[in-house]
PDB file of all heavy atoms in Angstrom:
ATOM      1  N   MET A   1     -12.286 -12.451   0.781  1.00  0.00           N
ATOM      2  CA  MET A   1     -12.411 -11.761   2.036  1.00  0.00           C
ATOM      3  C   MET A   1     -12.730 -10.300   1.830  1.00  0.00           C
ATOM      4  O   MET A   1     -13.569  -9.721   2.584  1.00  0.00           O
ATOM      5  CB  MET A   1     -11.072 -11.866   2.827  1.00  0.00           C
ATOM      6  CG  MET A   1     -10.800 -13.270   3.362  1.00  0.00           C
ATOM      7  SD  MET A   1      -9.228 -13.418   4.212  1.00  0.00           S
ATOM      8  CE  MET A   1      -9.545 -12.391   5.659  1.00  0.00           C
ATOM      9  N   VAL A   2     -12.171  -9.682   0.832  1.00  0.00           N
ATOM     10  CA  VAL A   2     -12.461  -8.303   0.526  1.00  0.00           C
ATOM     11  C   VAL A   2     -13.938  -8.125   0.147  1.00  0.00           C
ATOM     12  O   VAL A   2     -14.631  -7.189   0.569  1.00  0.00           O
ATOM     13  CB  VAL A   2     -11.574  -7.768  -0.632  1.00  0.00           C
ATOM     14  CG1 VAL A   2     -12.100  -6.456  -1.170  1.00  0.00           C
ATOM     15  CG2 VAL A   2     -10.141  -7.613  -0.125  1.00  0.00           C
ATOM     16  N   ALA A   3     -14.448  -9.050  -0.692  1.00  0.00           N
ATOM     17  CA  ALA A   3     -15.786  -8.939  -1.195  1.00  0.00           C
ATOM     18  C   ALA A   3     -16.850  -9.233  -0.129  1.00  0.00           C
ATOM     19  O   ALA A   3     -17.913  -8.579  -0.089  1.00  0.00           O
ATOM     20  CB  ALA A   3     -15.979  -9.926  -2.345  1.00  0.00           C
ATOM     21  N   LEU A   4     -16.536 -10.178   0.766  1.00  0.00           N
ATOM     22  CA  LEU A   4     -17.579 -10.617   1.739  1.00  0.00           C
ATOM     23  C   LEU A   4     -17.465  -9.986   3.105  1.00  0.00           C
ATOM     24  O   LEU A   4     -18.321 -10.203   3.922  1.00  0.00           O
ATOM     25  CB  LEU A   4     -17.492 -12.133   1.855  1.00  0.00           C
ATOM     26  CG  LEU A   4     -17.681 -12.933   0.571  1.00  0.00           C
ATOM     27  CD1 LEU A   4     -17.610 -14.423   0.829  1.00  0.00           C
ATOM     28  CD2 LEU A   4     -18.999 -12.566  -0.085  1.00  0.00           C
ATOM     29  N   ASN A   5     -16.415  -9.194   3.334  1.00  0.00           N
ATOM     30  CA  ASN A   5     -16.228  -8.543   4.674  1.00  0.00           C
ATOM     31  C   ASN A   5     -15.990  -7.068   4.497  1.00  0.00           C
ATOM     32  O   ASN A   5     -14.892  -6.547   4.588  1.00  0.00           O
ATOM     33  CB  ASN A   5     -15.054  -9.205   5.401  1.00  0.00           C
ATOM     34  CG  ASN A   5     -15.222 -10.684   5.651  1.00  0.00           C
ATOM     35  OD1 ASN A   5     -15.845 -11.084   6.626  1.00  0.00           O
ATOM     36  ND2 ASN A   5     -14.674 -11.505   4.772  1.00  0.00           N
ATOM     37  N   SER A   6     -17.068  -6.343   4.121  1.00  0.00           N
ATOM     38  CA  SER A   6     -16.933  -4.992   3.786  1.00  0.00           C
ATOM     39  C   SER A   6     -16.492  -4.077   4.928  1.00  0.00           C
ATOM     40  O   SER A   6     -16.000  -2.952   4.682  1.00  0.00           O
ATOM     41  CB  SER A   6     -18.282  -4.461   3.208  1.00  0.00           C
ATOM     42  OG  SER A   6     -19.315  -4.592   4.220  1.00  0.00           O
ATOM     43  N   GLU A   7     -16.620  -4.523   6.171  1.00  0.00           N
ATOM     44  CA  GLU A   7     -16.208  -3.710   7.279  1.00  0.00           C
ATOM     45  C   GLU A   7     -14.761  -3.935   7.727  1.00  0.00           C
ATOM     46  O   GLU A   7     -14.242  -3.198   8.534  1.00  0.00           O
ATOM     47  CB  GLU A   7     -17.161  -4.011   8.473  1.00  0.00           C
ATOM     48  CG  GLU A   7     -18.640  -3.836   8.218  1.00  0.00           C
ATOM     49  CD  GLU A   7     -18.941  -2.417   7.720  1.00  0.00           C
ATOM     50  OE1 GLU A   7     -18.394  -1.441   8.295  1.00  0.00           O
ATOM     51  OE2 GLU A   7     -19.747  -2.277   6.781  1.00  0.00           O
ATOM     52  N   VAL A   8     -14.132  -4.926   7.183  1.00  0.00           N
ATOM     53  CA  VAL A   8     -12.758  -5.260   7.581  1.00  0.00           C
ATOM     54  C   VAL A   8     -11.811  -4.409   6.789  1.00  0.00           C
ATOM     55  O   VAL A   8     -11.881  -4.388   5.562  1.00  0.00           O
ATOM     56  CB  VAL A   8     -12.430  -6.774   7.384  1.00  0.00           C
ATOM     57  CG1 VAL A   8     -11.013  -7.078   7.785  1.00  0.00           C
ATOM     58  CG2 VAL A   8     -13.419  -7.615   8.205  1.00  0.00           C
ATOM     59  N   PRO A   9     -10.863  -3.710   7.476  1.00  0.00           N
ATOM     60  CA  PRO A   9      -9.899  -2.866   6.737  1.00  0.00           C
ATOM     61  C   PRO A   9      -9.058  -3.699   5.742  1.00  0.00           C
ATOM     62  O   PRO A   9      -8.719  -4.845   6.017  1.00  0.00           O
ATOM     63  CB  PRO A   9      -9.021  -2.300   7.830  1.00  0.00           C
ATOM     64  CG  PRO A   9      -9.886  -2.342   9.068  1.00  0.00           C
ATOM     65  CD  PRO A   9     -10.753  -3.582   8.901  1.00  0.00           C
ATOM     66  N   LEU A  10      -8.778  -3.071   4.590  1.00  0.00           N
ATOM     67  CA  LEU A  10      -8.038  -3.834   3.540  1.00  0.00           C
ATOM     68  C   LEU A  10      -6.624  -4.209   4.043  1.00  0.00           C
ATOM     69  O   LEU A  10      -6.122  -5.295   3.684  1.00  0.00           O
ATOM     70  CB  LEU A  10      -7.901  -2.945   2.298  1.00  0.00           C
ATOM     71  CG  LEU A  10      -9.230  -2.661   1.587  1.00  0.00           C
ATOM     72  CD1 LEU A  10      -9.018  -1.717   0.396  1.00  0.00           C
ATOM     73  CD2 LEU A  10      -9.936  -3.941   1.165  1.00  0.00           C
ATOM     74  N   LEU A  11      -5.982  -3.371   4.837  1.00  0.00           N
ATOM     75  CA  LEU A  11      -4.681  -3.731   5.360  1.00  0.00           C
ATOM     76  C   LEU A  11      -4.739  -4.987   6.188  1.00  0.00           C
ATOM     77  O   LEU A  11      -3.863  -5.858   6.110  1.00  0.00           O
ATOM     78  CB  LEU A  11      -4.097  -2.569   6.190  1.00  0.00           C
ATOM     79  CG  LEU A  11      -2.739  -2.868   6.874  1.00  0.00           C
ATOM     80  CD1 LEU A  11      -1.672  -3.225   5.829  1.00  0.00           C
ATOM     81  CD2 LEU A  11      -2.313  -1.642   7.690  1.00  0.00           C
ATOM     82  N   GLU A  12      -5.781  -5.085   6.999  1.00  0.00           N
ATOM     83  CA  GLU A  12      -5.951  -6.267   7.868  1.00  0.00           C
ATOM     84  C   GLU A  12      -6.080  -7.499   7.030  1.00  0.00           C
ATOM     85  O   GLU A  12      -5.504  -8.589   7.338  1.00  0.00           O
ATOM     86  CB  GLU A  12      -7.158  -6.097   8.780  1.00  0.00           C
ATOM     87  CG  GLU A  12      -7.363  -7.193   9.806  1.00  0.00           C
ATOM     88  CD  GLU A  12      -8.507  -6.916  10.731  1.00  0.00           C
ATOM     89  OE1 GLU A  12      -8.730  -5.730  11.061  1.00  0.00           O
ATOM     90  OE2 GLU A  12      -9.173  -7.891  11.159  1.00  0.00           O
ATOM     91  N   ILE A  13      -6.865  -7.441   5.943  1.00  0.00           N
ATOM     92  CA  ILE A  13      -7.015  -8.565   5.033  1.00  0.00           C
ATOM     93  C   ILE A  13      -5.719  -8.933   4.372  1.00  0.00           C
ATOM     94  O   ILE A  13      -5.336 -10.113   4.221  1.00  0.00           O
ATOM     95  CB  ILE A  13      -8.105  -8.282   3.992  1.00  0.00           C
ATOM     96  CG1 ILE A  13      -9.490  -8.213   4.717  1.00  0.00           C
ATOM     97  CG2 ILE A  13      -8.141  -9.357   2.908  1.00  0.00           C
ATOM     98  CD1 ILE A  13     -10.632  -7.808   3.761  1.00  0.00           C
ATOM     99  N   ALA A  14      -5.004  -7.894   3.902  1.00  0.00           N
ATOM    100  CA  ALA A  14      -3.729  -8.151   3.232  1.00  0.00           C
ATOM    101  C   ALA A  14      -2.774  -8.907   4.140  1.00  0.00           C
ATOM    102  O   ALA A  14      -2.150  -9.922   3.721  1.00  0.00           O
ATOM    103  CB  ALA A  14      -3.110  -6.832   2.801  1.00  0.00           C
ATOM    104  N   LEU A  15      -2.647  -8.495   5.363  1.00  0.00           N
ATOM    105  CA  LEU A  15      -1.730  -9.148   6.300  1.00  0.00           C
ATOM    106  C   LEU A  15      -2.174 -10.576   6.638  1.00  0.00           C
ATOM    107  O   LEU A  15      -1.389 -11.489   6.762  1.00  0.00           O
ATOM    108  CB  LEU A  15      -1.554  -8.291   7.574  1.00  0.00           C
ATOM    109  CG  LEU A  15      -0.947  -6.927   7.380  1.00  0.00           C
ATOM    110  CD1 LEU A  15      -0.889  -6.139   8.680  1.00  0.00           C
ATOM    111  CD2 LEU A  15       0.467  -6.990   6.757  1.00  0.00           C
ATOM    112  N   ALA A  16      -3.493 -10.748   6.780  1.00  0.00           N
ATOM    113  CA  ALA A  16      -4.023 -12.047   7.093  1.00  0.00           C
ATOM    114  C   ALA A  16      -3.792 -13.014   6.001  1.00  0.00           C
ATOM    115  O   ALA A  16      -3.690 -14.245   6.216  1.00  0.00           O
ATOM    116  CB  ALA A  16      -5.519 -11.954   7.385  1.00  0.00           C
ATOM    117  N   CYS A  17      -3.684 -12.585   4.760  1.00  0.00           N
ATOM    118  CA  CYS A  17      -3.483 -13.456   3.603  1.00  0.00           C
ATOM    119  C   CYS A  17      -2.010 -13.593   3.252  1.00  0.00           C
ATOM    120  O   CYS A  17      -1.683 -14.251   2.248  1.00  0.00           O
ATOM    121  CB  CYS A  17      -4.271 -12.891   2.414  1.00  0.00           C
ATOM    122  SG  CYS A  17      -6.075 -13.099   2.621  1.00  0.00           S
ATOM    123  N   GLY A  18      -1.136 -13.001   3.999  1.00  0.00           N
ATOM    124  CA  GLY A  18       0.307 -13.214   3.799  1.00  0.00           C
ATOM    125  C   GLY A  18       0.979 -12.158   2.930  1.00  0.00           C
ATOM    126  O   GLY A  18       2.110 -12.373   2.532  1.00  0.00           O
ATOM    127  N   TYR A  19       0.305 -11.067   2.619  1.00  0.00           N
ATOM    128  CA  TYR A  19       0.936  -9.998   1.879  1.00  0.00           C
ATOM    129  C   TYR A  19       1.769  -9.138   2.790  1.00  0.00           C
ATOM    130  O   TYR A  19       1.485  -8.978   4.013  1.00  0.00           O
ATOM    131  CB  TYR A  19      -0.106  -9.095   1.181  1.00  0.00           C
ATOM    132  CG  TYR A  19      -0.827  -9.809   0.040  1.00  0.00           C
ATOM    133  CD1 TYR A  19      -2.119 -10.322   0.185  1.00  0.00           C
ATOM    134  CD2 TYR A  19      -0.182  -9.983  -1.204  1.00  0.00           C
ATOM    135  CE1 TYR A  19      -2.740 -10.945  -0.858  1.00  0.00           C
ATOM    136  CE2 TYR A  19      -0.829 -10.592  -2.249  1.00  0.00           C
ATOM    137  CZ  TYR A  19      -2.085 -11.103  -2.082  1.00  0.00           C
ATOM    138  OH  TYR A  19      -2.730 -11.740  -3.102  1.00  0.00           O
ATOM    139  N   SER A  20       2.836  -8.539   2.292  1.00  0.00           N
ATOM    140  CA  SER A  20       3.709  -7.701   3.084  1.00  0.00           C
ATOM    141  C   SER A  20       3.024  -6.397   3.473  1.00  0.00           C
ATOM    142  O   SER A  20       3.296  -5.821   4.539  1.00  0.00           O
ATOM    143  CB  SER A  20       5.014  -7.401   2.383  1.00  0.00           C
ATOM    144  OG  SER A  20       4.736  -6.794   1.088  1.00  0.00           O
ATOM    145  N   ASP A  21       2.129  -5.926   2.627  1.00  0.00           N
ATOM    146  CA  ASP A  21       1.381  -4.674   2.942  1.00  0.00           C
ATOM    147  C   ASP A  21       0.206  -4.584   1.983  1.00  0.00           C
ATOM    148  O   ASP A  21       0.012  -5.459   1.096  1.00  0.00           O
ATOM    149  CB  ASP A  21       2.299  -3.424   2.815  1.00  0.00           C
ATOM    150  CG  ASP A  21       3.033  -3.362   1.477  1.00  0.00           C
ATOM    151  OD1 ASP A  21       2.477  -3.829   0.451  1.00  0.00           O
ATOM    152  OD2 ASP A  21       4.132  -2.863   1.456  1.00  0.00           O
ATOM    153  N   GLN A  22      -0.609  -3.579   2.134  1.00  0.00           N
ATOM    154  CA  GLN A  22      -1.806  -3.439   1.311  1.00  0.00           C
ATOM    155  C   GLN A  22      -1.447  -3.168  -0.135  1.00  0.00           C
ATOM    156  O   GLN A  22      -2.113  -3.663  -1.067  1.00  0.00           O
ATOM    157  CB  GLN A  22      -2.684  -2.266   1.825  1.00  0.00           C
ATOM    158  CG  GLN A  22      -4.009  -2.138   1.062  1.00  0.00           C
ATOM    159  CD  GLN A  22      -4.874  -1.034   1.629  1.00  0.00           C
ATOM    160  OE1 GLN A  22      -4.840  -0.743   2.794  1.00  0.00           O
ATOM    161  NE2 GLN A  22      -5.642  -0.377   0.758  1.00  0.00           N
ATOM    162  N   ALA A  23      -0.359  -2.436  -0.390  1.00  0.00           N
ATOM    163  CA  ALA A  23       0.034  -2.159  -1.765  1.00  0.00           C
ATOM    164  C   ALA A  23       0.368  -3.435  -2.505  1.00  0.00           C
ATOM    165  O   ALA A  23       0.058  -3.577  -3.725  1.00  0.00           O
ATOM    166  CB  ALA A  23       1.236  -1.221  -1.797  1.00  0.00           C
ATOM    167  N   HIS A  24       0.975  -4.388  -1.839  1.00  0.00           N
ATOM    168  CA  HIS A  24       1.272  -5.687  -2.444  1.00  0.00           C
ATOM    169  C   HIS A  24      -0.014  -6.389  -2.872  1.00  0.00           C
ATOM    170  O   HIS A  24      -0.093  -6.952  -3.980  1.00  0.00           O
ATOM    171  CB  HIS A  24       2.056  -6.547  -1.424  1.00  0.00           C
ATOM    172  CG  HIS A  24       2.586  -7.819  -1.992  1.00  0.00           C
ATOM    173  ND1 HIS A  24       3.197  -8.777  -1.210  1.00  0.00           N
ATOM    174  CD2 HIS A  24       2.582  -8.311  -3.277  1.00  0.00           C
ATOM    175  CE1 HIS A  24       3.544  -9.813  -1.976  1.00  0.00           C
ATOM    176  NE2 HIS A  24       3.179  -9.561  -3.209  1.00  0.00           N
ATOM    177  N   MET A  25      -0.999  -6.387  -2.012  1.00  0.00           N
ATOM    178  CA  MET A  25      -2.282  -7.002  -2.317  1.00  0.00           C
ATOM    179  C   MET A  25      -2.961  -6.248  -3.490  1.00  0.00           C
ATOM    180  O   MET A  25      -3.527  -6.910  -4.383  1.00  0.00           O
ATOM    181  CB  MET A  25      -3.230  -7.002  -1.124  1.00  0.00           C
ATOM    182  CG  MET A  25      -4.546  -7.702  -1.403  1.00  0.00           C
ATOM    183  SD  MET A  25      -5.628  -7.826   0.070  1.00  0.00           S
ATOM    184  CE  MET A  25      -6.147  -6.083   0.248  1.00  0.00           C
ATOM    185  N   ASN A  26      -2.876  -4.968  -3.470  1.00  0.00           N
ATOM    186  CA  ASN A  26      -3.456  -4.149  -4.579  1.00  0.00           C
ATOM    187  C   ASN A  26      -2.886  -4.561  -5.928  1.00  0.00           C
ATOM    188  O   ASN A  26      -3.592  -4.755  -6.910  1.00  0.00           O
ATOM    189  CB  ASN A  26      -3.225  -2.661  -4.343  1.00  0.00           C
ATOM    190  CG  ASN A  26      -3.987  -2.096  -3.165  1.00  0.00           C
ATOM    191  OD1 ASN A  26      -4.807  -2.804  -2.553  1.00  0.00           O
ATOM    192  ND2 ASN A  26      -3.754  -0.849  -2.829  1.00  0.00           N
ATOM    193  N   ARG A  27      -1.548  -4.693  -5.985  1.00  0.00           N
ATOM    194  CA  ARG A  27      -0.907  -5.086  -7.251  1.00  0.00           C
ATOM    195  C   ARG A  27      -1.327  -6.411  -7.689  1.00  0.00           C
ATOM    196  O   ARG A  27      -1.572  -6.676  -8.893  1.00  0.00           O
ATOM    197  CB  ARG A  27       0.639  -5.007  -7.096  1.00  0.00           C
ATOM    198  CG  ARG A  27       1.180  -3.600  -6.929  1.00  0.00           C
ATOM    199  CD  ARG A  27       2.721  -3.608  -7.106  1.00  0.00           C
ATOM    200  NE  ARG A  27       3.379  -4.432  -6.099  1.00  0.00           N
ATOM    201  CZ  ARG A  27       3.772  -4.017  -4.906  1.00  0.00           C
ATOM    202  NH1 ARG A  27       3.531  -2.739  -4.547  1.00  0.00           N
ATOM    203  NH2 ARG A  27       4.396  -4.792  -4.032  1.00  0.00           N
ATOM    204  N   ASP A  28      -1.411  -7.361  -6.754  1.00  0.00           N
ATOM    205  CA  ASP A  28      -1.838  -8.729  -7.106  1.00  0.00           C
ATOM    206  C   ASP A  28      -3.275  -8.751  -7.648  1.00  0.00           C
ATOM    207  O   ASP A  28      -3.544  -9.462  -8.603  1.00  0.00           O
ATOM    208  CB  ASP A  28      -1.713  -9.631  -5.857  1.00  0.00           C
ATOM    209  CG  ASP A  28      -0.851 -10.832  -6.073  1.00  0.00           C
ATOM    210  OD1 ASP A  28      -0.050 -10.830  -7.039  1.00  0.00           O
ATOM    211  OD2 ASP A  28      -0.915 -11.808  -5.305  1.00  0.00           O
ATOM    212  N   MET A  29      -4.167  -8.023  -7.006  1.00  0.00           N
ATOM    213  CA  MET A  29      -5.574  -8.012  -7.486  1.00  0.00           C
ATOM    214  C   MET A  29      -5.672  -7.363  -8.867  1.00  0.00           C
ATOM    215  O   MET A  29      -6.488  -7.795  -9.677  1.00  0.00           O
ATOM    216  CB  MET A  29      -6.469  -7.327  -6.479  1.00  0.00           C
ATOM    217  CG  MET A  29      -6.690  -8.203  -5.221  1.00  0.00           C
ATOM    218  SD  MET A  29      -8.125  -7.634  -4.241  1.00  0.00           S
ATOM    219  CE  MET A  29      -8.026  -8.852  -2.921  1.00  0.00           C
ATOM    220  N   GLN A  30      -4.881  -6.339  -9.077  1.00  0.00           N
ATOM    221  CA  GLN A  30      -4.935  -5.719 -10.420  1.00  0.00           C
ATOM    222  C   GLN A  30      -4.410  -6.642 -11.480  1.00  0.00           C
ATOM    223  O   GLN A  30      -4.945  -6.638 -12.609  1.00  0.00           O
ATOM    224  CB  GLN A  30      -4.112  -4.387 -10.355  1.00  0.00           C
ATOM    225  CG  GLN A  30      -4.810  -3.311  -9.596  1.00  0.00           C
ATOM    226  CD  GLN A  30      -3.974  -2.050  -9.485  1.00  0.00           C
ATOM    227  OE1 GLN A  30      -2.758  -2.093  -9.414  1.00  0.00           O
ATOM    228  NE2 GLN A  30      -4.624  -0.891  -9.506  1.00  0.00           N
ATOM    229  N   ARG A  31      -3.480  -7.464 -11.130  1.00  0.00           N
ATOM    230  CA  ARG A  31      -2.951  -8.468 -12.108  1.00  0.00           C
ATOM    231  C   ARG A  31      -3.973  -9.549 -12.356  1.00  0.00           C
ATOM    232  O   ARG A  31      -4.294  -9.864 -13.520  1.00  0.00           O
ATOM    233  CB  ARG A  31      -1.651  -9.086 -11.561  1.00  0.00           C
ATOM    234  CG  ARG A  31      -1.205 -10.280 -12.397  1.00  0.00           C
ATOM    235  CD  ARG A  31      -0.130 -11.135 -11.688  1.00  0.00           C
ATOM    236  NE  ARG A  31       0.117 -12.388 -12.376  1.00  0.00           N
ATOM    237  CZ  ARG A  31       0.878 -13.351 -11.910  1.00  0.00           C
ATOM    238  NH1 ARG A  31       1.571 -13.176 -10.755  1.00  0.00           N
ATOM    239  NH2 ARG A  31       1.065 -14.472 -12.583  1.00  0.00           N
ATOM    240  N   TRP A  32      -4.462 -10.173 -11.301  1.00  0.00           N
ATOM    241  CA  TRP A  32      -5.291 -11.358 -11.408  1.00  0.00           C
ATOM    242  C   TRP A  32      -6.766 -11.007 -11.721  1.00  0.00           C
ATOM    243  O   TRP A  32      -7.475 -11.805 -12.369  1.00  0.00           O
ATOM    244  CB  TRP A  32      -5.229 -12.202 -10.166  1.00  0.00           C
ATOM    245  CG  TRP A  32      -3.915 -12.847  -9.880  1.00  0.00           C
ATOM    246  CD1 TRP A  32      -2.991 -12.436  -9.016  1.00  0.00           C
ATOM    247  CD2 TRP A  32      -3.384 -14.062 -10.491  1.00  0.00           C
ATOM    248  NE1 TRP A  32      -1.887 -13.288  -9.027  1.00  0.00           N
ATOM    249  CE2 TRP A  32      -2.146 -14.270  -9.923  1.00  0.00           C
ATOM    250  CE3 TRP A  32      -3.885 -14.930 -11.434  1.00  0.00           C
ATOM    251  CZ2 TRP A  32      -1.322 -15.365 -10.316  1.00  0.00           C
ATOM    252  CZ3 TRP A  32      -3.096 -16.033 -11.797  1.00  0.00           C
ATOM    253  CH2 TRP A  32      -1.811 -16.238 -11.237  1.00  0.00           C
ATOM    254  N   PHE A  33      -7.270  -9.887 -11.216  1.00  0.00           N
ATOM    255  CA  PHE A  33      -8.670  -9.550 -11.340  1.00  0.00           C
ATOM    256  C   PHE A  33      -8.942  -8.330 -12.199  1.00  0.00           C
ATOM    257  O   PHE A  33     -10.090  -7.988 -12.456  1.00  0.00           O
ATOM    258  CB  PHE A  33      -9.293  -9.307  -9.962  1.00  0.00           C
ATOM    259  CG  PHE A  33      -9.192 -10.435  -8.974  1.00  0.00           C
ATOM    260  CD1 PHE A  33      -9.252 -10.222  -7.622  1.00  0.00           C
ATOM    261  CD2 PHE A  33      -9.061 -11.739  -9.446  1.00  0.00           C
ATOM    262  CE1 PHE A  33      -9.159 -11.275  -6.714  1.00  0.00           C
ATOM    263  CE2 PHE A  33      -8.985 -12.811  -8.517  1.00  0.00           C
ATOM    264  CZ  PHE A  33      -9.026 -12.575  -7.182  1.00  0.00           C
ATOM    265  N   ALA A  34      -7.861  -7.613 -12.614  1.00  0.00           N
ATOM    266  CA  ALA A  34      -7.996  -6.353 -13.336  1.00  0.00           C
ATOM    267  C   ALA A  34      -8.880  -5.378 -12.555  1.00  0.00           C
ATOM    268  O   ALA A  34      -9.607  -4.550 -13.140  1.00  0.00           O
ATOM    269  CB  ALA A  34      -8.617  -6.582 -14.761  1.00  0.00           C
TER     270      ALA A  34
END
């Protein structure tokens, strides 16, 4: 969603995917995607 929807705010994507906040998504992507 982040890669294919450049106009959608990251916080909106994080919440739509079940993350508690954007920081949570950031940590997950750094772990899985570096």
